[in-house]
Amino acid sequence: MSSDVKMSNPFNPSFGKRPTHFYGRQEITRTIIDAADVTNANSPWRTTLITGIRGSGKTALLSDIKYHLDNKDIISLYIVPNEAMLDDILSQLYRQLPKSALSAVPELKNISVNLGVSVELEKDKKRPHFTESFSHQIMELIDIHMKQNNHVVFLVDEAQKHTEEMRIFISVYQKLIMREYSVSMVLAGLPAVVSDILNDDVLSFLRRAKQVELENVEAIIVEHEFMKIFTTKESKLTEEVIQKAAAGTFGYPYLIQLVGYYLWEKMCGNDNITSIDDVFITSKTELFRNVHKLIYADLSNRDREFVFAMSDDENSSLIADIGVRMQKEKNFLSLYRNRLISAGIIKPAGHGVLQFCYPYMREFLQMKKQEEFSGF
């Protein structure tokens, strides 16, 4: 690689941004995009739930789906659940109307168009109060979009459980489906959150939605992609180094981007590369700070005791060994085992065997144990 011209780094470890290179997710994107086509009105993929642990690429996947939808001139709304989400949905629908259709917009009330900016469309003071409801207003806006032959896709990121705004939106979405509006929804969230949504009696219709669990990318795919990117005539990386880098990601999407990013930066440097230890030190430092610490902070004291007991094992842990270390009975162990599995922190790996879902979790927990033991 020329010393005076530095090519743009093809990896992007920033949360929420669409990476240049996706790994093992192309088929999911293609299926959801196809479902949004007007010829696929009966596709079961028009309502899709995506679950995955932190760093599994949920937001990046939604960003990729939106990118492709926008390129096909399909109306897509990126939605982050919060107290203002209903106004935000109406705002996005309004902003994406063509100018030629604005005259058809009815006299809606208080549609938030941008941060702190509100458009008052209240010419008729005598309109019934029910026209101020979210259900009524979204239907009027989508009616106009449908007259323009527009399909609307709701992309809900980091879904939150049991918020009133989420319940209202999903309930209205069900009504839109029943009335055969041209709409789709892709909802992404952590496993425990999506599980709670599915178990909400008000939102039970979502149990019939397509469900996709984002798992780690297969090792052979990561190695193949790393080889394509890093094997160039200007590269200072040996095949062995590239293979070691790919294997060290364990197929975890966030770590793929971290390791790829810092390996690229190192390759663009002036030194010959014989070791990538510093690449992994830097990558794991960010992984621990941006993922593992957040997970650890959410754990109860008993949860922490359980995962600390697991961290004594090199790879997998026997539930019987965990019980001996914690000096707890089977019922107690089952309770916290199920809690941690539901939270997406550990997973079954055979009868009576458990593993961590996150790479290098054992190493992180050993560090935390050392800190607590040392009084830091």
Foldseek 3Di string as FASTA:
>chain_A
DDLVDADDQQFDLDPLAAGNDDFPCVVVLVLLLVCLDPVNLPDLQLEEEEAEAPLLCLNNSLVVSVVVCVVVVAAEDEAEDDPCRLLSVLLSLQVPDDPVLNVVQAQAAFRDNDVVDTDGRHPDVPDDPVCNDSLNNVVSSLVSCVVVVHAYEYEYEADAAPDPVVLVVLLSVVVCVVVSRRYGYYHYHYLLRVVRQCVPPSNVVSVSHHYHYRAFHDLVRQLVVLCVPQDDPLFLDDSVQSSVLSVLQVRRNSLSSQLSRVVSVVRSDDDRDDDCVVSVVVSVVCCCVVHVVVVVVPDDPVLLLQVLQQLVDDFKDALVSSCVSVVDDPVVSVVSVVVCVSRQQKDDDDVRIIGGRDPCNSVSSVVVVVCVVVPD
